[in-house]
Amino acid sequence: MHVIQTAKNSCRNLWKVFGKNSSAFLTQHNGNPSDAALAQGSYIATVRNVSFDMHDGEILVVMGLSHRTVIDNVAFPLEVRGASRAERDGRARDMLKLVGLEGRENYFPRELSGGQQQRVGIARSLAVGPDVWFLDEPFSALDPLIRREMQDEFLRLHSRLMGGWAAKRKRQLGMPA
């Protein structure tokens, strides 16, 4: 039997448009600009009219980085959860150390290399301690050298995090780690 869950959160008609005064542009086009209007105004829509529901226990992680500092980007999902500033910063610092970006906390994404920006996104996705980590072609936009570095980094993180998870689970079950 399939049980239908009521959505905990819903998002409807989401757009992410880049260009001058994009909010006003979306308003002028009733939140649904045509391809022609986008092109004519030199706008780029990276997210177009997306709708989704989130159910209890689901976590959504968006990998794009904002205009915030590195530490604030990593701490953002914890801020959304209502964590204190001290808790957010502590966890963010731990994740930045884990991905090799200690000392870059006060940089902005535009001041980092592509590989470093990817590491910030990885740190942010790990900050919430997800049970499942879905990656959708996380390295496809990188040049071959950086892609290889990030693949190696992912394997290192996987080994470290899963090793820690396995030991924690064994302790929960009363087994020697």
Protein backbone atom coordinates (compact mmCIF):
# COMPACT_ATOMS: atom_id res chain seq x y z
CA MET A 1 0.00 0.00 0.00
CA HIS A 2 1.35 3.46 -0.93
CA VAL A 3 0.87 6.16 1.71
CA ILE A 4 0.58 9.73 0.43
CA GLN A 5 2.46 12.16 2.69
CA THR A 6 1.48 15.77 3.07
CA ALA A 7 4.32 18.04 1.98
CA LYS A 8 6.20 19.71 4.83
CA ASN A 9 7.35 22.49 2.47
CA SER A 10 6.37 23.32 -1.08
CA CYS A 11 8.09 25.49 -3.63
CA ARG A 12 6.25 26.57 -6.76
CA ASN A 13 7.36 28.36 -9.91
CA LEU A 14 10.96 28.96 -8.81
CA TRP A 15 13.21 30.95 -11.16
CA LYS A 16 16.87 31.96 -10.91
CA VAL A 17 17.57 34.67 -13.46
CA PHE A 18 20.89 36.48 -13.89
CA GLY A 19 21.00 39.98 -15.31
CA LYS A 20 20.48 43.59 -14.36
CA ASN A 21 17.46 44.08 -12.08
CA SER A 22 16.24 40.49 -12.58
CA SER A 23 13.52 40.76 -9.89
CA ALA A 24 11.85 43.64 -11.73
CA PHE A 25 12.22 41.74 -15.01
CA LEU A 26 10.41 38.70 -13.56
CA THR A 27 7.67 40.92 -12.14
CA GLN A 28 7.18 42.63 -15.53
CA HIS A 29 6.69 39.18 -17.09
CA ASN A 30 4.32 37.85 -14.39
CA GLY A 31 6.99 35.44 -13.12
CA ASN A 32 7.11 33.51 -16.39
CA PRO A 33 9.24 35.22 -19.07
CA SER A 34 9.46 33.71 -22.54
CA ASP A 35 12.74 32.64 -24.13
CA ALA A 36 12.43 35.66 -26.45
CA ALA A 37 12.02 38.08 -23.51
CA LEU A 38 15.03 36.57 -21.76
CA ALA A 39 17.17 36.86 -24.88
CA GLN A 40 15.98 40.38 -25.70
CA GLY A 41 16.84 41.60 -22.19
CA SER A 42 20.18 39.70 -22.11
CA TYR A 43 19.02 37.61 -19.13
CA ILE A 44 20.13 34.07 -18.36
CA ALA A 45 17.69 31.75 -16.62
CA THR A 46 19.54 28.96 -14.82
CA VAL A 47 16.41 27.67 -13.08
CA ARG A 48 13.12 27.86 -14.98
CA ASN A 49 9.71 27.49 -13.39
CA VAL A 50 10.67 24.66 -11.02
CA SER A 51 8.19 23.27 -8.49
CA PHE A 52 8.75 20.60 -5.84
CA ASP A 53 7.54 19.31 -2.49
CA MET A 54 9.65 18.30 0.50
CA HIS A 55 8.38 15.71 2.91
CA ASP A 56 9.33 15.05 6.52
CA GLY A 57 12.91 13.75 6.75
CA GLU A 58 14.00 15.02 3.34
CA ILE A 59 16.86 17.49 2.99
CA LEU A 60 17.48 19.73 0.01
CA VAL A 61 20.98 21.00 -0.70
CA VAL A 62 21.57 23.58 -3.39
CA MET A 63 25.19 23.63 -4.57
CA GLY A 64 25.45 27.11 -6.08
CA LEU A 65 27.42 29.62 -4.01
CA SER A 66 26.12 33.02 -3.00
CA HIS A 67 27.74 36.41 -2.52
CA ARG A 68 28.51 35.44 1.09
CA THR A 69 31.95 34.64 2.46
CA VAL A 70 33.15 31.05 2.33
CA ILE A 71 32.31 30.42 5.99
CA ASP A 72 28.85 31.95 5.60
CA ASN A 73 28.20 29.83 2.48
CA VAL A 74 29.10 26.66 4.38
CA ALA A 75 27.07 27.71 7.44
CA PHE A 76 23.99 28.71 5.40
CA PRO A 77 22.00 25.44 5.70
CA LEU A 78 22.58 25.52 9.46
CA GLU A 79 21.32 29.11 9.54
CA VAL A 80 18.17 27.97 7.75
CA ARG A 81 17.74 25.30 10.44
CA GLY A 82 17.97 27.98 13.15
CA ALA A 83 21.36 27.02 14.60
CA SER A 84 23.17 29.62 16.71
CA ARG A 85 25.98 31.66 15.14
CA ALA A 86 28.56 29.85 17.31
CA GLU A 87 27.23 26.41 16.31
CA ARG A 88 27.11 27.35 12.61
CA ASP A 89 30.61 28.79 12.57
CA GLY A 90 32.08 25.87 14.51
CA ARG A 91 30.57 23.28 12.19
CA ALA A 92 31.48 25.33 9.10
CA ARG A 93 35.11 25.60 10.27
CA ASP A 94 35.23 21.84 10.83
CA MET A 95 33.91 21.18 7.32
CA LEU A 96 36.32 23.67 5.74
CA LYS A 97 39.21 21.96 7.49
CA LEU A 98 37.91 18.60 6.26
CA VAL A 99 37.94 19.75 2.62
CA GLY A 100 41.31 21.53 2.88
CA LEU A 101 40.11 25.15 2.92
CA GLU A 102 41.16 26.13 6.42
CA GLY A 103 42.36 29.73 6.30
CA ARG A 104 39.99 30.69 3.47
CA GLU A 105 36.95 31.37 5.69
CA ASN A 106 36.73 35.08 4.90
CA TYR A 107 37.31 34.80 1.15
CA PHE A 108 34.47 35.23 -1.31
CA PRO A 109 33.73 32.53 -3.93
CA ARG A 110 34.92 34.84 -6.74
CA GLU A 111 38.37 34.87 -5.06
CA LEU A 112 38.70 31.07 -5.24
CA SER A 113 39.67 28.68 -8.01
CA GLY A 114 37.02 26.40 -9.54
CA GLY A 115 38.23 23.45 -7.49
CA GLN A 116 38.15 25.49 -4.29
CA GLN A 117 34.60 26.62 -5.09
CA GLN A 118 33.62 22.97 -5.51
CA ARG A 119 35.14 22.23 -2.09
CA VAL A 120 33.05 25.02 -0.54
CA GLY A 121 29.93 23.43 -2.02
CA ILE A 122 30.96 20.02 -0.72
CA ALA A 123 31.64 21.46 2.75
CA ARG A 124 28.22 23.13 2.75
CA SER A 125 26.47 19.93 1.75
CA LEU A 126 28.25 18.03 4.54
CA ALA A 127 27.66 20.67 7.23
CA VAL A 128 24.16 19.34 7.94
CA GLY A 129 25.41 15.77 8.42
CA PRO A 130 23.28 14.23 5.66
CA ASP A 131 22.35 10.56 5.79
CA VAL A 132 22.44 10.43 1.99
CA TRP A 133 24.63 12.48 -0.31
CA PHE A 134 23.36 12.73 -3.89
CA LEU A 135 25.69 14.23 -6.48
CA ASP A 136 24.51 15.12 -9.96
CA GLU A 137 27.57 15.33 -12.20
CA PRO A 138 29.47 17.37 -9.60
CA PHE A 139 32.68 17.52 -11.62
CA SER A 140 31.39 17.86 -15.18
CA ALA A 141 32.10 21.60 -15.52
CA LEU A 142 35.71 21.32 -14.34
CA ASP A 143 38.82 21.02 -16.49
CA PRO A 144 40.39 17.51 -16.53
CA LEU A 145 43.14 18.28 -13.98
CA ILE A 146 40.79 19.83 -11.42
CA ARG A 147 38.19 17.13 -12.12
CA ARG A 148 40.75 14.46 -11.22
CA GLU A 149 41.69 16.34 -8.03
CA MET A 150 38.03 16.60 -7.02
CA GLN A 151 37.40 12.91 -7.75
CA ASP A 152 40.36 12.04 -5.53
CA GLU A 153 39.04 14.45 -2.88
CA PHE A 154 35.61 12.84 -3.03
CA LEU A 155 37.15 9.39 -2.53
CA ARG A 156 39.16 10.70 0.44
CA LEU A 157 36.08 12.26 2.01
CA HIS A 158 34.01 9.16 1.37
CA SER A 159 36.61 6.97 3.05
CA ARG A 160 36.97 9.31 6.01
CA LEU A 161 33.27 9.98 6.51
CA MET A 162 32.05 6.46 5.86
CA GLY A 163 34.77 5.06 8.11
CA GLY A 164 33.54 7.38 10.85
CA TRP A 165 29.93 6.47 10.14
CA ALA A 166 30.71 2.74 10.22
CA ALA A 167 32.51 3.06 13.57
CA LYS A 168 29.63 5.12 15.01
CA ARG A 169 27.07 2.56 13.79
CA LYS A 170 29.07 -0.32 15.29
CA ARG A 171 29.17 1.49 18.65
CA GLN A 172 25.39 2.02 18.45
CA LEU A 173 24.99 -1.72 17.92
CA GLY A 174 27.37 -2.51 20.80
CA MET A 175 30.05 -3.91 18.49
CA PRO A 176 33.77 -3.08 18.68
CA ALA A 177 34.73 -0.32 16.25
